Amino acid sequence: MASVTYKNVVKKFGDLTIIKNLNIAVEDKEFLVLVGPSGCGKTTALRLLAGLEEISDGEIVIGDRVVNDVAPKDRDIAMVFQSYALYPHLSVYDNMAFGLKLRKTPKDEIQRRVNQAAEILGITDLLQRKPRQLSGGQRQRVAVGRAIVREPKVFLFDEPLSNLDAKLRVQMRAEISKLHQRLQTTFIYVTHDQTEAMTMATRIAVINKGNLQQLDTPQNLYDSPNNLFVAGFIGSPAMNFFPAKLVKSGEKILVDAGDFKVKIPDSHSAPYKSMDGRSIIFGIRPENIHDAEFAPQNIHGEKVSAKVDVTELMGNETLIYLVSGRNTFVGRVDPRSKLRVNDSTQVVFDMDKFHIFDASAEEAIR
């Protein structure tokens, strides 16, 4: 098993810098997810680790070995790609065994590894089939199995579920998580889907435009985002943001968003008492906006007048899209809510769970 470290890693394509001074330490047996929008550099970071791209500056360390100049085949990693990349003329067994045969692994050892991987993935009865006889989910399992038989120190996954339908993605997500628990190996997983990241990762590295924005546990990313980008990227629906100012009124600290004002509870106001008049971005997640009729009783609730623009009935919850003057936002409310389109209402902001960001730097103010 092995840890992985990116030390001041830079990747340039000509004059274009794709990865900017990346520093990440992945612990042994950790499940780290690299997440970010398309084109942010997360797949490039994975390819640098795999040796499929050369780094422009810095070091990549696997275990205690710097691998900058080590050939991909000698890095003791295995990679599962977005495309299954199976050989169509070979059986499932031969696809999984192919890499071992190239390494001249003894036949008995190949058979042991392939059968063990097939049992782990539940594809033992598919070993004699060709890829064209398999479903998308079965092909993805074969691609994962081909990596497992290598018994590598590090598994790399490059958006392996993006070609699957929504139901199968949920199923495979759980299977990959169980696989990590069973193999007890270092997993590094790339996705643009923040739901995948939140449900699978030990820690998540959020990347944007080649820069690491935050590296933390899923819950800490959700509860305490470092900046506006992380706050808006993690969570679905995304956090609501309102341009506003902090205003001191006697001993009270208010958030003035123009079309509404909400009071910061006294228990949370200390960091903001010296910021009277400061321009901020006020953030609150949809699940912390309640229909007034069903608002919890034990919160510091602040009422905001709004008009219902759109409703989405989800069964276990209702999403309501609201307009308050020039501000639009979304609330995730109790499914018993009777709010409907064009209703004028008051919703309740849970002011125990708000976020404030500096308007110019876009960094969190805590």
Protein backbone atom coordinates (compact mmCIF):
# COMPACT_ATOMS: atom_id res chain seq x y z
CA MET A 1 0.00 0.00 0.00
CA ALA A 2 1.14 3.59 -0.51
CA SER A 3 0.57 7.23 0.15
CA VAL A 4 0.61 9.75 -2.71
CA THR A 5 1.97 13.29 -2.56
CA TYR A 6 1.77 16.14 -5.04
CA LYS A 7 4.52 18.66 -4.16
CA ASN A 8 4.21 22.05 -5.91
CA VAL A 9 3.10 20.31 -9.11
CA VAL A 10 2.69 22.47 -12.21
CA LYS A 11 1.49 21.38 -15.64
CA LYS A 12 1.73 23.61 -18.69
CA PHE A 13 0.66 23.03 -22.27
CA GLY A 14 2.66 25.66 -24.13
CA ASP A 15 1.85 29.01 -22.51
CA LEU A 16 -1.31 27.65 -20.87
CA THR A 17 -0.98 26.56 -17.23
CA ILE A 18 -3.45 23.78 -16.45
CA ILE A 19 -2.26 22.82 -12.94
CA LYS A 20 -0.97 25.60 -10.68
CA ASN A 21 1.29 24.69 -7.76
CA LEU A 22 -0.78 21.70 -6.61
CA ASN A 23 -0.05 20.38 -3.11
CA ILE A 24 -2.01 17.33 -1.93
CA ALA A 25 -0.98 14.58 0.51
CA VAL A 26 -3.08 11.42 0.07
CA GLU A 27 -2.79 9.06 3.01
CA ASP A 28 -2.28 5.32 2.69
CA LYS A 29 -5.63 3.48 2.16
CA GLU A 30 -7.50 6.79 1.76
CA PHE A 31 -10.33 7.35 -0.73
CA LEU A 32 -9.58 10.81 -2.13
CA VAL A 33 -11.90 12.38 -4.70
CA LEU A 34 -10.76 15.17 -7.01
CA VAL A 35 -13.83 17.19 -7.92
CA GLY A 36 -14.48 20.31 -9.95
CA PRO A 37 -16.14 21.57 -13.13
CA SER A 38 -15.13 20.34 -16.58
CA GLY A 39 -11.75 21.69 -17.63
CA CYS A 40 -10.57 22.47 -14.08
CA GLY A 41 -7.50 20.21 -14.29
CA LYS A 42 -8.62 17.24 -12.17
CA THR A 43 -8.14 14.62 -14.92
CA THR A 44 -4.79 16.15 -15.82
CA ALA A 45 -3.73 15.78 -12.18
CA LEU A 46 -4.67 12.08 -12.34
CA ARG A 47 -2.82 11.56 -15.64
CA LEU A 48 0.29 13.18 -14.17
CA LEU A 49 0.17 10.66 -11.32
CA ALA A 50 -0.32 7.79 -13.78
CA GLY A 51 2.62 8.97 -15.88
CA LEU A 52 0.46 9.59 -18.95
CA GLU A 53 1.52 13.25 -18.89
CA GLU A 54 4.86 14.76 -17.89
CA ILE A 55 4.87 17.34 -15.11
CA SER A 56 6.29 20.79 -15.89
CA ASP A 57 7.51 21.42 -12.34
CA GLY A 58 7.35 19.93 -8.85
CA GLU A 59 7.35 16.32 -7.66
CA ILE A 60 4.94 13.41 -7.43
CA VAL A 61 5.76 10.85 -4.75
CA ILE A 62 4.22 7.37 -4.40
CA GLY A 63 5.15 5.86 -1.07
CA ASP A 64 8.69 7.13 -0.52
CA ARG A 65 9.66 7.16 -4.22
CA VAL A 66 9.67 10.22 -6.49
CA VAL A 67 8.10 8.99 -9.73
CA ASN A 68 8.62 11.99 -12.03
CA ASP A 69 10.87 9.96 -14.32
CA VAL A 70 9.41 6.51 -13.66
CA ALA A 71 7.60 4.83 -16.57
CA PRO A 72 3.83 4.33 -16.09
CA LYS A 73 4.18 0.54 -16.03
CA ASP A 74 6.65 0.76 -13.15
CA ARG A 75 4.61 3.08 -10.88
CA ASP A 76 2.55 0.23 -9.40
CA ILE A 77 -0.76 1.94 -10.14
CA ALA A 78 -3.87 0.77 -12.02
CA MET A 79 -6.27 3.11 -13.80
CA VAL A 80 -9.95 2.76 -14.66
CA PHE A 81 -10.94 5.10 -17.49
CA GLN A 82 -14.20 6.80 -18.40
CA SER A 83 -14.36 4.61 -21.51
CA TYR A 84 -14.23 0.93 -20.65
CA ALA A 85 -11.44 0.33 -23.22
CA LEU A 86 -12.12 -3.42 -23.39
CA TYR A 87 -10.76 -5.54 -26.23
CA PRO A 88 -13.90 -6.54 -28.17
CA HIS A 89 -12.41 -9.79 -29.55
CA LEU A 90 -11.32 -11.10 -26.13
CA SER A 91 -13.45 -12.76 -23.47
CA VAL A 92 -13.99 -11.11 -20.09
CA TYR A 93 -11.41 -13.49 -18.61
CA ASP A 94 -8.80 -12.61 -21.24
CA ASN A 95 -9.51 -8.89 -20.92
CA MET A 96 -8.86 -9.09 -17.19
CA ALA A 97 -5.80 -11.31 -17.64
CA PHE A 98 -4.23 -9.35 -20.51
CA GLY A 99 -1.96 -7.11 -18.44
CA LEU A 100 -0.76 -10.00 -16.33
CA LYS A 101 0.10 -12.03 -19.42
CA LEU A 102 2.22 -9.13 -20.72
CA ARG A 103 4.13 -9.25 -17.44
CA LYS A 104 4.64 -12.99 -17.90
CA THR A 105 2.79 -13.78 -14.67
CA PRO A 106 2.46 -17.58 -14.14
CA LYS A 107 -0.83 -19.05 -15.40
CA ASP A 108 -1.88 -20.33 -11.99
CA GLU A 109 -1.38 -16.88 -10.48
CA ILE A 110 -3.34 -15.24 -13.32
CA GLN A 111 -6.22 -17.65 -12.79
CA ARG A 112 -6.21 -17.02 -9.04
CA ARG A 113 -6.26 -13.24 -9.42
CA VAL A 114 -8.91 -13.17 -12.16
CA ASN A 115 -11.22 -15.56 -10.30
CA GLN A 116 -10.78 -13.61 -7.05
CA ALA A 117 -11.53 -10.28 -8.76
CA ALA A 118 -14.53 -11.78 -10.57
CA GLU A 119 -15.92 -13.06 -7.26
CA ILE A 120 -15.45 -9.67 -5.59
CA LEU A 121 -17.30 -7.93 -8.44
CA GLY A 122 -19.98 -10.59 -8.95
CA ILE A 123 -19.05 -11.34 -12.57
CA THR A 124 -17.85 -14.96 -12.24
CA ASP A 125 -20.60 -16.16 -14.59
CA LEU A 126 -19.57 -13.62 -17.25
CA LEU A 127 -15.92 -14.68 -17.67
CA GLN A 128 -16.45 -16.43 -21.01
CA ARG A 129 -18.58 -13.69 -22.59
CA LYS A 130 -17.36 -11.03 -25.01
CA PRO A 131 -17.80 -7.32 -24.17
CA ARG A 132 -20.60 -6.92 -26.73
CA GLN A 133 -22.68 -9.40 -24.73
CA LEU A 134 -22.49 -7.28 -21.58
CA SER A 135 -24.51 -4.35 -20.28
CA GLY A 136 -22.85 -1.02 -19.50
CA GLY A 137 -22.68 -1.81 -15.80
CA GLN A 138 -21.16 -5.24 -16.47
CA ARG A 139 -18.52 -3.71 -18.76
CA GLN A 140 -17.63 -1.21 -16.06
CA ARG A 141 -17.18 -4.05 -13.57
CA VAL A 142 -14.84 -5.80 -16.02
CA ALA A 143 -12.80 -2.60 -16.38
CA VAL A 144 -12.54 -2.37 -12.58
CA GLY A 145 -11.66 -6.07 -12.41
CA ARG A 146 -8.83 -5.57 -14.88
CA ALA A 147 -7.39 -3.02 -12.46
CA ILE A 148 -7.92 -5.22 -9.38
CA VAL A 149 -5.93 -8.15 -10.79
CA ARG A 150 -2.88 -5.91 -10.99
CA GLU A 151 -2.92 -5.71 -7.15
CA PRO A 152 -1.50 -2.18 -7.35
CA LYS A 153 -0.53 0.17 -4.55
CA VAL A 154 -2.86 2.88 -5.89
CA PHE A 155 -6.12 2.72 -7.87
CA LEU A 156 -6.96 5.66 -10.14
CA PHE A 157 -10.51 6.23 -11.40
CA ASP A 158 -11.21 8.80 -14.12
CA GLU A 159 -14.97 9.50 -14.12
CA PRO A 160 -15.75 5.77 -14.38
CA LEU A 161 -19.52 6.12 -13.92
CA SER A 162 -20.31 8.96 -16.32
CA ASN A 163 -21.42 6.60 -19.12
CA LEU A 164 -23.97 4.81 -16.93
CA ASP A 165 -27.63 5.68 -16.40
CA ALA A 166 -28.68 7.36 -13.15
CA LYS A 167 -29.92 4.22 -11.37
CA LEU A 168 -26.82 2.22 -12.27
CA ARG A 169 -24.55 5.07 -11.18
CA VAL A 170 -26.04 4.92 -7.69
CA GLN A 171 -25.54 1.15 -7.58
CA MET A 172 -21.94 1.28 -8.86
CA ARG A 173 -21.16 4.11 -6.45
CA ALA A 174 -22.00 1.82 -3.55
CA GLU A 175 -20.05 -1.06 -5.09
CA ILE A 176 -16.89 1.01 -5.51
CA SER A 177 -17.17 2.19 -1.89
CA LYS A 178 -17.49 -1.43 -0.72
CA LEU A 179 -14.58 -2.38 -2.95
CA HIS A 180 -12.39 0.20 -1.26
CA GLN A 181 -13.33 -1.13 2.17
CA ARG A 182 -12.56 -4.68 1.07
CA LEU A 183 -9.26 -4.03 -0.70
CA GLN A 184 -7.90 -1.50 1.82
CA THR A 185 -5.90 0.24 -0.91
CA THR A 186 -5.39 3.90 -1.80
CA PHE A 187 -8.12 5.12 -4.19
CA ILE A 188 -7.93 8.42 -6.10
CA TYR A 189 -11.13 9.18 -7.97
CA VAL A 190 -11.94 11.98 -10.40
CA THR A 191 -15.48 13.24 -10.98
CA HIS A 192 -17.38 16.42 -11.77
CA ASP A 193 -20.40 15.03 -9.88
CA GLN A 194 -20.37 16.45 -6.36
CA THR A 195 -22.89 13.82 -5.22
CA GLU A 196 -20.41 11.07 -6.10
CA ALA A 197 -17.71 12.97 -4.24
CA MET A 198 -19.80 13.52 -1.11
CA THR A 199 -21.02 9.92 -0.84
CA MET A 200 -17.76 8.09 -1.58
CA ALA A 201 -14.80 10.12 -0.35
CA THR A 202 -12.74 10.02 2.81
CA ARG A 203 -11.63 13.51 1.77
CA ILE A 204 -12.40 15.72 -1.21
CA ALA A 205 -10.06 18.03 -3.09
CA VAL A 206 -12.06 20.78 -4.81
CA ILE A 207 -10.22 22.16 -7.84
CA ASN A 208 -11.09 25.16 -10.00
CA LYS A 209 -9.04 26.55 -12.90
CA GLY A 210 -6.04 24.48 -11.87
CA ASN A 211 -6.04 25.72 -8.27
CA LEU A 212 -6.81 23.66 -5.18
CA GLN A 213 -9.68 25.47 -3.46
CA GLN A 214 -10.12 23.27 -0.39
CA LEU A 215 -9.09 19.80 0.81
CA ASP A 216 -11.28 18.43 3.58
CA THR A 217 -13.80 15.82 4.64
CA PRO A 218 -17.18 15.89 2.86
CA GLN A 219 -18.98 17.16 5.95
CA ASN A 220 -16.48 19.95 6.62
CA LEU A 221 -16.66 21.06 2.99
CA TYR A 222 -20.42 21.24 3.29
CA ASP A 223 -20.53 22.93 6.69
CA SER A 224 -17.51 25.25 6.41
CA PRO A 225 -16.59 26.09 2.80
CA ASN A 226 -13.49 28.25 2.52
CA ASN A 227 -14.77 30.41 -0.30
CA LEU A 228 -17.66 31.25 -2.57
CA PHE A 229 -16.69 28.68 -5.21
CA VAL A 230 -16.63 25.73 -2.80
CA ALA A 231 -19.87 26.88 -1.17
CA GLY A 232 -21.63 27.02 -4.53
CA PHE A 233 -20.14 23.80 -5.90
CA ILE A 234 -20.83 21.50 -2.94
CA GLY A 235 -24.53 20.92 -2.30
CA SER A 236 -27.52 20.36 -4.55
CA PRO A 237 -29.44 22.57 -5.11
CA ALA A 238 -26.57 25.01 -4.70
CA MET A 239 -26.30 27.47 -1.83
CA ASN A 240 -28.24 30.73 -2.30
CA PHE A 241 -26.11 33.88 -2.47
CA PHE A 242 -27.24 37.48 -1.85
CA PRO A 243 -25.09 40.62 -2.33
CA ALA A 244 -25.48 42.48 0.96
CA LYS A 245 -23.93 44.67 3.63
CA LEU A 246 -23.36 44.16 7.33
CA VAL A 247 -25.16 46.85 9.32
CA LYS A 248 -24.85 47.55 13.04
CA SER A 249 -28.07 48.65 14.73
CA GLY A 250 -27.44 49.24 18.41
CA GLU A 251 -26.10 45.93 19.67
CA LYS A 252 -27.62 44.03 16.76
CA ILE A 253 -25.81 42.98 13.56
CA LEU A 254 -28.03 42.85 10.49
CA VAL A 255 -27.51 41.50 7.00
CA ASP A 256 -29.02 44.06 4.63
CA ALA A 257 -29.67 42.52 1.21
CA GLY A 258 -31.64 45.56 0.00
CA ASP A 259 -34.98 43.81 -0.39
CA PHE A 260 -34.84 42.22 3.05
CA LYS A 261 -32.92 42.40 6.31
CA VAL A 262 -32.16 39.52 8.66
CA LYS A 263 -30.61 39.63 12.12
CA ILE A 264 -27.53 37.59 12.97
CA PRO A 265 -28.15 35.82 16.30
CA ASP A 266 -26.22 37.27 19.23
CA SER A 267 -24.46 33.93 19.70
CA HIS A 268 -22.98 34.23 16.17
CA SER A 269 -22.47 37.99 15.88
CA ALA A 270 -19.09 38.56 17.60
CA PRO A 271 -16.88 38.21 14.46
CA TYR A 272 -18.98 40.82 12.60
CA LYS A 273 -19.34 43.62 15.17
CA SER A 274 -16.39 45.57 13.75
CA MET A 275 -17.58 45.24 10.13
CA ASP A 276 -20.36 47.84 9.98
CA GLY A 277 -20.95 48.82 6.35
CA ARG A 278 -18.79 46.04 4.91
CA SER A 279 -19.90 44.59 1.55
CA ILE A 280 -20.44 40.85 1.75
CA ILE A 281 -22.07 37.90 0.05
CA PHE A 282 -24.67 36.31 2.34
CA GLY A 283 -25.15 32.58 1.78
CA ILE A 284 -27.79 30.16 3.00
CA ARG A 285 -28.50 26.62 1.82
CA PRO A 286 -31.96 25.68 0.47
CA GLU A 287 -32.58 23.22 3.32
CA ASN A 288 -32.20 26.09 5.79
CA ILE A 289 -35.09 28.02 4.22
CA HIS A 290 -38.45 26.87 5.57
CA ASP A 291 -42.12 27.35 4.83
CA ALA A 292 -43.18 29.46 7.85
CA GLU A 293 -46.01 27.01 8.62
CA PHE A 294 -43.57 24.14 9.13
CA ALA A 295 -40.46 25.93 10.41
CA PRO A 296 -38.68 24.16 13.31
CA GLN A 297 -39.36 25.76 16.69
CA ASN A 298 -35.82 25.60 18.10
CA ILE A 299 -34.00 27.80 15.56
CA HIS A 300 -33.16 31.49 15.32
CA GLY A 301 -35.62 32.10 12.48
CA GLU A 302 -35.84 35.33 10.47
CA LYS A 303 -38.85 35.89 8.21
CA VAL A 304 -38.38 37.07 4.62
CA SER A 305 -41.24 38.11 2.34
CA ALA A 306 -41.18 36.52 -1.09
CA LYS A 307 -43.31 35.41 -4.02
CA VAL A 308 -43.36 31.80 -5.22
CA ASP A 309 -42.08 31.56 -8.79
CA VAL A 310 -41.83 27.80 -9.36
CA THR A 311 -42.52 24.68 -7.27
CA GLU A 312 -41.03 21.22 -7.75
CA LEU A 313 -42.85 18.48 -5.83
CA MET A 314 -40.32 15.70 -5.14
CA GLY A 315 -42.42 13.45 -2.90
CA ASN A 316 -40.17 13.51 0.17
CA GLU A 317 -39.59 17.26 -0.14
CA THR A 318 -40.65 20.29 -2.16
CA LEU A 319 -38.32 22.76 -3.84
CA ILE A 320 -39.75 26.27 -4.05
CA TYR A 321 -38.14 28.93 -6.21
CA LEU A 322 -38.76 32.37 -4.73
CA VAL A 323 -38.42 36.02 -5.68
CA SER A 324 -37.85 38.82 -3.18
CA GLY A 325 -37.40 42.09 -5.08
CA ARG A 326 -34.31 41.61 -7.26
CA ASN A 327 -33.23 38.47 -5.36
CA THR A 328 -34.12 34.96 -6.51
CA PHE A 329 -33.46 31.91 -4.38
CA VAL A 330 -34.60 28.35 -3.69
CA GLY A 331 -35.86 26.66 -0.53
CA ARG A 332 -36.13 22.97 0.25
CA VAL A 333 -39.30 22.79 2.34
CA ASP A 334 -41.55 20.30 4.07
CA PRO A 335 -43.52 18.19 1.53
CA ARG A 336 -46.73 19.18 3.36
CA SER A 337 -46.21 22.78 2.25
CA LYS A 338 -49.24 24.29 0.54
CA LEU A 339 -47.25 27.03 -1.23
CA ARG A 340 -48.01 27.28 -4.92
CA VAL A 341 -46.93 29.42 -7.88
CA ASN A 342 -47.68 33.17 -7.51
CA ASP A 343 -48.38 32.89 -3.77
CA SER A 344 -47.06 35.78 -1.69
CA THR A 345 -45.65 34.37 1.51
CA GLN A 346 -43.08 34.63 4.23
CA VAL A 347 -40.33 32.02 4.47
CA VAL A 348 -38.06 31.50 7.46
CA PHE A 349 -34.27 31.66 7.23
CA ASP A 350 -32.50 29.48 9.81
CA MET A 351 -29.92 31.99 11.04
CA ASP A 352 -28.03 29.34 12.97
CA LYS A 353 -26.78 28.08 9.59
CA PHE A 354 -25.70 31.02 7.45
CA HIS A 355 -22.47 31.81 5.59
CA ILE A 356 -20.80 35.15 5.00
CA PHE A 357 -18.14 35.82 2.35
CA ASP A 358 -16.09 38.92 1.61
CA ALA A 359 -17.58 40.54 -1.51
CA SER A 360 -14.23 41.25 -3.20
CA ALA A 361 -11.98 38.35 -2.08
CA GLU A 362 -14.89 35.84 -2.04
CA GLU A 363 -13.29 34.20 1.02
CA ALA A 364 -15.36 33.01 3.98
CA ILE A 365 -15.59 35.35 6.99
CA ARG A 366 -16.02 33.31 10.17
